[in-house]
Amino acid sequence: QVQLVESGGGLVQAGGSLRLSCAASGSVFSINDMGWYRQAPGKQREWVAGISSSKSTNYQDSVKGRFTISRDNAKNTVYLQMNSLKPDDTAVYYCYSDDRLTHRRYWGQGTQVTVSS
């Protein structure tokens, strides 16, 4: 089992920045990929960014150039630096981790990001 705890959400004006963190605990030795999804009100959850254990990264097109995902394997933590935020970025952001042994995906509880215009 892996437990994920997010932090860093909040209210910010358009053009501002936020940094989300997600700390993993439990069976962290088998964590492979980690990343972030988001869910805006009335919309389906969508993938935002992912990072492999070797720190290879991928992004949704709408956040490329604005968001940066990173991870500290020693701290079992993944980060999402969000710059040039837009009102459309308003959502609950969820981190996830994939277990390379069980192929199970674990989820955090979510953190709210609100961008005002």
N, C-alpha and C. Protein backbone atom coordinates (compact mmCIF):
# COMPACT_ATOMS: atom_id res chain seq x y z
N GLN A 1 0.85 -1.20 0.00
CA GLN A 1 0.00 0.00 0.00
C GLN A 1 0.88 1.24 0.00
N VAL A 2 0.42 2.25 -0.72
CA VAL A 2 1.10 3.54 -0.76
C VAL A 2 0.08 4.61 -0.37
N GLN A 3 0.49 5.49 0.49
CA GLN A 3 -0.34 6.63 0.87
C GLN A 3 0.28 7.90 0.26
N LEU A 4 -0.58 8.72 -0.33
CA LEU A 4 -0.14 9.96 -0.97
C LEU A 4 -0.85 11.14 -0.31
N VAL A 5 -0.09 12.15 0.07
CA VAL A 5 -0.64 13.34 0.70
C VAL A 5 -0.19 14.57 -0.07
N GLU A 6 -1.17 15.28 -0.63
CA GLU A 6 -0.87 16.49 -1.39
C GLU A 6 -0.93 17.72 -0.49
N SER A 7 -0.22 18.75 -0.92
CA SER A 7 -0.28 20.04 -0.26
C SER A 7 0.09 21.12 -1.27
N GLY A 8 -0.19 22.36 -0.92
CA GLY A 8 0.23 23.48 -1.75
C GLY A 8 -0.84 24.15 -2.56
N GLY A 9 -2.06 23.64 -2.54
CA GLY A 9 -3.13 24.29 -3.29
C GLY A 9 -3.54 25.60 -2.64
N GLY A 10 -4.41 26.33 -3.33
CA GLY A 10 -4.88 27.59 -2.78
C GLY A 10 -5.51 28.46 -3.82
N LEU A 11 -5.70 29.72 -3.45
CA LEU A 11 -6.30 30.72 -4.33
C LEU A 11 -5.21 31.66 -4.83
N VAL A 12 -5.18 31.87 -6.14
CA VAL A 12 -4.17 32.73 -6.73
C VAL A 12 -4.80 33.51 -7.88
N GLN A 13 -4.28 34.69 -8.15
CA GLN A 13 -4.78 35.46 -9.28
C GLN A 13 -4.19 34.94 -10.59
N ALA A 14 -4.89 35.19 -11.67
CA ALA A 14 -4.39 34.81 -12.99
C ALA A 14 -3.00 35.40 -13.21
N GLY A 15 -2.13 34.58 -13.77
CA GLY A 15 -0.75 34.98 -13.97
C GLY A 15 0.17 34.61 -12.83
N GLY A 16 -0.40 34.18 -11.73
CA GLY A 16 0.38 33.81 -10.57
C GLY A 16 0.91 32.40 -10.63
N SER A 17 1.53 31.98 -9.53
CA SER A 17 2.17 30.66 -9.47
C SER A 17 1.79 29.94 -8.19
N LEU A 18 1.82 28.63 -8.27
CA LEU A 18 1.65 27.75 -7.11
C LEU A 18 2.55 26.54 -7.29
N ARG A 19 2.95 25.95 -6.18
CA ARG A 19 3.74 24.71 -6.22
C ARG A 19 3.03 23.66 -5.40
N LEU A 20 2.63 22.59 -6.06
CA LEU A 20 2.00 21.47 -5.37
C LEU A 20 3.05 20.43 -5.01
N SER A 21 2.84 19.81 -3.86
CA SER A 21 3.71 18.72 -3.42
C SER A 21 2.86 17.50 -3.13
N CYS A 22 3.45 16.33 -3.31
CA CYS A 22 2.76 15.07 -3.00
C CYS A 22 3.78 14.12 -2.41
N ALA A 23 3.61 13.82 -1.13
CA ALA A 23 4.54 12.96 -0.43
C ALA A 23 3.98 11.55 -0.32
N ALA A 24 4.79 10.57 -0.67
CA ALA A 24 4.38 9.17 -0.61
C ALA A 24 4.97 8.50 0.61
N SER A 25 4.20 7.58 1.16
CA SER A 25 4.67 6.78 2.29
C SER A 25 4.10 5.36 2.13
N GLY A 26 4.65 4.44 2.91
CA GLY A 26 4.23 3.05 2.80
C GLY A 26 5.19 2.26 1.93
N SER A 27 4.67 1.53 0.97
CA SER A 27 5.50 0.67 0.11
C SER A 27 6.13 1.47 -1.02
N VAL A 28 6.97 2.42 -0.65
CA VAL A 28 7.52 3.35 -1.64
C VAL A 28 8.60 2.71 -2.50
N PHE A 29 9.14 1.56 -2.08
CA PHE A 29 10.24 0.94 -2.81
C PHE A 29 9.82 0.50 -4.20
N SER A 30 8.51 0.27 -4.39
CA SER A 30 8.04 -0.23 -5.68
C SER A 30 7.33 0.83 -6.52
N ILE A 31 7.45 2.11 -6.13
CA ILE A 31 6.84 3.18 -6.92
C ILE A 31 7.59 3.34 -8.23
N ASN A 32 6.85 3.43 -9.32
CA ASN A 32 7.45 3.65 -10.63
C ASN A 32 7.09 5.07 -11.08
N ASP A 33 6.13 5.20 -11.97
CA ASP A 33 5.72 6.53 -12.44
C ASP A 33 4.90 7.25 -11.37
N MET A 34 5.00 8.57 -11.37
CA MET A 34 4.15 9.43 -10.54
C MET A 34 3.64 10.57 -11.41
N GLY A 35 2.61 11.25 -10.94
CA GLY A 35 2.12 12.37 -11.74
C GLY A 35 0.90 13.02 -11.13
N TRP A 36 0.27 13.83 -11.98
CA TRP A 36 -0.88 14.63 -11.54
C TRP A 36 -2.03 14.55 -12.54
N TYR A 37 -3.23 14.49 -12.00
CA TYR A 37 -4.47 14.68 -12.74
C TYR A 37 -5.17 15.89 -12.13
N ARG A 38 -6.18 16.37 -12.82
CA ARG A 38 -7.03 17.42 -12.25
C ARG A 38 -8.47 17.21 -12.69
N GLN A 39 -9.38 17.73 -11.87
CA GLN A 39 -10.80 17.65 -12.19
C GLN A 39 -11.46 18.97 -11.89
N ALA A 40 -11.94 19.62 -12.94
CA ALA A 40 -12.66 20.88 -12.80
C ALA A 40 -14.14 20.58 -12.56
N PRO A 41 -14.87 21.54 -11.98
CA PRO A 41 -16.29 21.32 -11.72
C PRO A 41 -17.06 20.96 -12.99
N GLY A 42 -17.82 19.88 -12.92
CA GLY A 42 -18.64 19.46 -14.05
C GLY A 42 -17.88 18.78 -15.17
N LYS A 43 -16.59 18.53 -14.97
CA LYS A 43 -15.77 17.91 -16.03
C LYS A 43 -15.16 16.62 -15.54
N GLN A 44 -14.71 15.81 -16.50
CA GLN A 44 -14.04 14.57 -16.14
C GLN A 44 -12.63 14.84 -15.67
N ARG A 45 -12.11 13.93 -14.89
CA ARG A 45 -10.73 14.04 -14.45
C ARG A 45 -9.81 13.90 -15.67
N GLU A 46 -8.79 14.75 -15.77
CA GLU A 46 -7.87 14.71 -16.89
C GLU A 46 -6.43 14.66 -16.40
N TRP A 47 -5.62 13.95 -17.17
CA TRP A 47 -4.21 13.84 -16.86
C TRP A 47 -3.52 15.16 -17.17
N VAL A 48 -2.59 15.55 -16.30
CA VAL A 48 -1.88 16.82 -16.45
C VAL A 48 -0.40 16.60 -16.80
N ALA A 49 0.28 15.79 -15.99
CA ALA A 49 1.71 15.59 -16.19
C ALA A 49 2.14 14.31 -15.50
N GLY A 50 3.22 13.71 -16.00
CA GLY A 50 3.74 12.50 -15.40
C GLY A 50 5.26 12.50 -15.43
N ILE A 51 5.85 11.73 -14.51
CA ILE A 51 7.30 11.63 -14.43
C ILE A 51 7.67 10.20 -14.05
N SER A 52 8.64 9.65 -14.76
CA SER A 52 9.05 8.28 -14.49
C SER A 52 10.06 8.24 -13.34
N SER A 53 10.41 7.05 -12.91
CA SER A 53 11.40 6.91 -11.84
C SER A 53 12.76 7.43 -12.27
N SER A 54 13.01 7.43 -13.59
CA SER A 54 14.26 7.98 -14.12
C SER A 54 14.13 9.46 -14.46
N LYS A 55 12.98 10.06 -14.09
CA LYS A 55 12.72 11.49 -14.22
C LYS A 55 12.46 11.95 -15.64
N SER A 56 12.03 11.05 -16.50
CA SER A 56 11.52 11.45 -17.81
C SER A 56 10.13 12.03 -17.62
N THR A 57 9.83 13.16 -18.29
CA THR A 57 8.58 13.87 -18.04
C THR A 57 7.70 13.96 -19.30
N ASN A 58 6.40 14.09 -19.05
CA ASN A 58 5.43 14.31 -20.11
C ASN A 58 4.35 15.24 -19.59
N TYR A 59 3.78 16.04 -20.52
CA TYR A 59 2.79 17.04 -20.13
C TYR A 59 1.61 17.04 -21.09
N GLN A 60 0.46 17.40 -20.55
CA GLN A 60 -0.70 17.72 -21.38
C GLN A 60 -0.36 18.98 -22.17
N ASP A 61 -0.84 19.06 -23.41
CA ASP A 61 -0.47 20.19 -24.26
C ASP A 61 -0.84 21.54 -23.64
N SER A 62 -1.94 21.61 -22.93
CA SER A 62 -2.40 22.91 -22.42
C SER A 62 -1.54 23.46 -21.30
N VAL A 63 -0.67 22.64 -20.73
CA VAL A 63 0.17 23.12 -19.62
C VAL A 63 1.65 23.18 -20.00
N LYS A 64 1.99 22.71 -21.19
CA LYS A 64 3.40 22.74 -21.62
C LYS A 64 3.92 24.17 -21.61
N GLY A 65 5.11 24.33 -21.06
CA GLY A 65 5.72 25.66 -20.98
C GLY A 65 5.29 26.45 -19.76
N ARG A 66 4.25 25.99 -19.07
CA ARG A 66 3.77 26.70 -17.87
C ARG A 66 3.97 25.87 -16.60
N PHE A 67 3.79 24.57 -16.70
CA PHE A 67 3.91 23.67 -15.55
C PHE A 67 5.19 22.86 -15.67
N THR A 68 5.79 22.57 -14.53
CA THR A 68 6.98 21.72 -14.48
C THR A 68 6.79 20.67 -13.40
N ILE A 69 6.91 19.41 -13.79
CA ILE A 69 6.83 18.31 -12.82
C ILE A 69 8.24 17.86 -12.47
N SER A 70 8.45 17.53 -11.21
CA SER A 70 9.75 17.04 -10.76
C SER A 70 9.52 16.08 -9.61
N ARG A 71 10.55 15.34 -9.25
CA ARG A 71 10.43 14.42 -8.12
C ARG A 71 11.76 14.31 -7.40
N ASP A 72 11.65 14.08 -6.12
CA ASP A 72 12.80 13.84 -5.26
C ASP A 72 12.66 12.40 -4.77
N ASN A 73 13.40 11.49 -5.37
CA ASN A 73 13.24 10.08 -5.02
C ASN A 73 13.68 9.79 -3.59
N ALA A 74 14.61 10.58 -3.09
CA ALA A 74 15.07 10.37 -1.71
C ALA A 74 13.97 10.73 -0.72
N LYS A 75 13.12 11.69 -1.09
CA LYS A 75 12.03 12.11 -0.22
C LYS A 75 10.70 11.49 -0.62
N ASN A 76 10.71 10.68 -1.70
CA ASN A 76 9.47 10.06 -2.19
C ASN A 76 8.39 11.09 -2.43
N THR A 77 8.78 12.20 -3.04
CA THR A 77 7.88 13.32 -3.23
C THR A 77 7.91 13.77 -4.69
N VAL A 78 6.71 14.08 -5.21
CA VAL A 78 6.60 14.64 -6.55
C VAL A 78 6.03 16.05 -6.42
N TYR A 79 6.49 16.93 -7.28
CA TYR A 79 6.10 18.34 -7.24
C TYR A 79 5.49 18.74 -8.58
N LEU A 80 4.65 19.76 -8.53
CA LEU A 80 4.12 20.38 -9.74
C LEU A 80 4.23 21.89 -9.57
N GLN A 81 5.20 22.48 -10.26
CA GLN A 81 5.35 23.93 -10.26
C GLN A 81 4.45 24.48 -11.36
N MET A 82 3.51 25.33 -10.98
CA MET A 82 2.54 25.88 -11.92
C MET A 82 2.73 27.39 -12.03
N ASN A 83 3.12 27.85 -13.21
CA ASN A 83 3.34 29.27 -13.46
C ASN A 83 2.32 29.76 -14.49
N SER A 84 2.20 31.08 -14.58
CA SER A 84 1.28 31.70 -15.55
C SER A 84 -0.10 31.05 -15.49
N LEU A 85 -0.60 30.92 -14.29
CA LEU A 85 -1.88 30.23 -14.10
C LEU A 85 -3.04 30.99 -14.73
N LYS A 86 -3.98 30.22 -15.23
CA LYS A 86 -5.17 30.77 -15.89
C LYS A 86 -6.42 30.31 -15.14
N PRO A 87 -7.53 31.04 -15.27
CA PRO A 87 -8.77 30.57 -14.63
C PRO A 87 -9.16 29.14 -15.04
N ASP A 88 -8.82 28.75 -16.27
CA ASP A 88 -9.12 27.39 -16.73
C ASP A 88 -8.33 26.32 -15.99
N ASP A 89 -7.30 26.71 -15.26
CA ASP A 89 -6.53 25.75 -14.46
C ASP A 89 -7.22 25.43 -13.13
N THR A 90 -8.31 26.14 -12.83
CA THR A 90 -9.04 25.89 -11.59
C THR A 90 -9.58 24.47 -11.57
N ALA A 91 -9.22 23.72 -10.53
CA ALA A 91 -9.61 22.32 -10.43
C ALA A 91 -9.11 21.76 -9.10
N VAL A 92 -9.57 20.57 -8.80
CA VAL A 92 -8.94 19.79 -7.74
C VAL A 92 -7.84 18.96 -8.39
N TYR A 93 -6.65 19.07 -7.86
CA TYR A 93 -5.48 18.38 -8.41
C TYR A 93 -5.18 17.13 -7.55
N TYR A 94 -5.03 16.01 -8.24
CA TYR A 94 -4.78 14.73 -7.59
C TYR A 94 -3.43 14.19 -8.03
N CYS A 95 -2.61 13.76 -7.10
CA CYS A 95 -1.39 13.08 -7.50
C CYS A 95 -1.64 11.57 -7.53
N TYR A 96 -0.82 10.86 -8.27
CA TYR A 96 -0.94 9.41 -8.36
C TYR A 96 0.46 8.80 -8.38
N SER A 97 0.50 7.54 -8.02
CA SER A 97 1.73 6.77 -8.17
C SER A 97 1.37 5.37 -8.69
N ASP A 98 2.23 4.84 -9.52
CA ASP A 98 2.04 3.51 -10.09
C ASP A 98 3.04 2.53 -9.50
N ASP A 99 2.53 1.39 -9.06
CA ASP A 99 3.38 0.37 -8.46
C ASP A 99 3.90 -0.55 -9.57
N ARG A 100 5.21 -0.68 -9.67
CA ARG A 100 5.78 -1.48 -10.76
C ARG A 100 5.62 -2.98 -10.53
N LEU A 101 5.33 -3.39 -9.32
CA LEU A 101 5.17 -4.82 -9.04
C LEU A 101 3.72 -5.26 -9.20
N THR A 102 2.79 -4.47 -8.67
CA THR A 102 1.37 -4.86 -8.71
C THR A 102 0.61 -4.17 -9.84
N HIS A 103 1.24 -3.16 -10.46
CA HIS A 103 0.62 -2.34 -11.51
C HIS A 103 -0.61 -1.61 -11.00
N ARG A 104 -0.70 -1.45 -9.71
CA ARG A 104 -1.81 -0.72 -9.11
C ARG A 104 -1.49 0.77 -9.09
N ARG A 105 -2.53 1.58 -9.27
CA ARG A 105 -2.38 3.04 -9.18
C ARG A 105 -2.98 3.52 -7.86
N TYR A 106 -2.21 4.30 -7.16
CA TYR A 106 -2.66 4.91 -5.92
C TYR A 106 -2.94 6.39 -6.15
N TRP A 107 -3.88 6.93 -5.37
CA TRP A 107 -4.30 8.33 -5.52
C TRP A 107 -4.20 9.07 -4.20
N GLY A 108 -3.88 10.37 -4.31
CA GLY A 108 -3.99 11.25 -3.17
C GLY A 108 -5.41 11.72 -2.99
N GLN A 109 -5.63 12.52 -1.95
CA GLN A 109 -6.99 12.97 -1.63
C GLN A 109 -7.40 14.20 -2.43
N GLY A 110 -6.45 14.84 -3.05
CA GLY A 110 -6.74 16.02 -3.87
C GLY A 110 -6.49 17.31 -3.12
N THR A 111 -6.09 18.33 -3.88
CA THR A 111 -5.91 19.66 -3.32
C THR A 111 -6.52 20.67 -4.29
N GLN A 112 -7.25 21.64 -3.74
CA GLN A 112 -7.97 22.59 -4.57
C GLN A 112 -7.05 23.71 -5.05
N VAL A 113 -7.11 23.99 -6.34
CA VAL A 113 -6.43 25.15 -6.92
C VAL A 113 -7.50 26.02 -7.56
N THR A 114 -7.55 27.27 -7.14
CA THR A 114 -8.52 28.22 -7.69
C THR A 114 -7.77 29.43 -8.23
N VAL A 115 -8.00 29.72 -9.51
CA VAL A 115 -7.34 30.86 -10.16
C VAL A 115 -8.40 31.89 -10.49
N SER A 116 -8.28 33.06 -9.91
CA SER A 116 -9.26 34.12 -10.14
C SER A 116 -8.82 35.01 -11.30
N SER A 117 -9.80 35.53 -12.01
CA SER A 117 -9.49 36.39 -13.18
C SER A 117 -9.38 37.85 -12.78
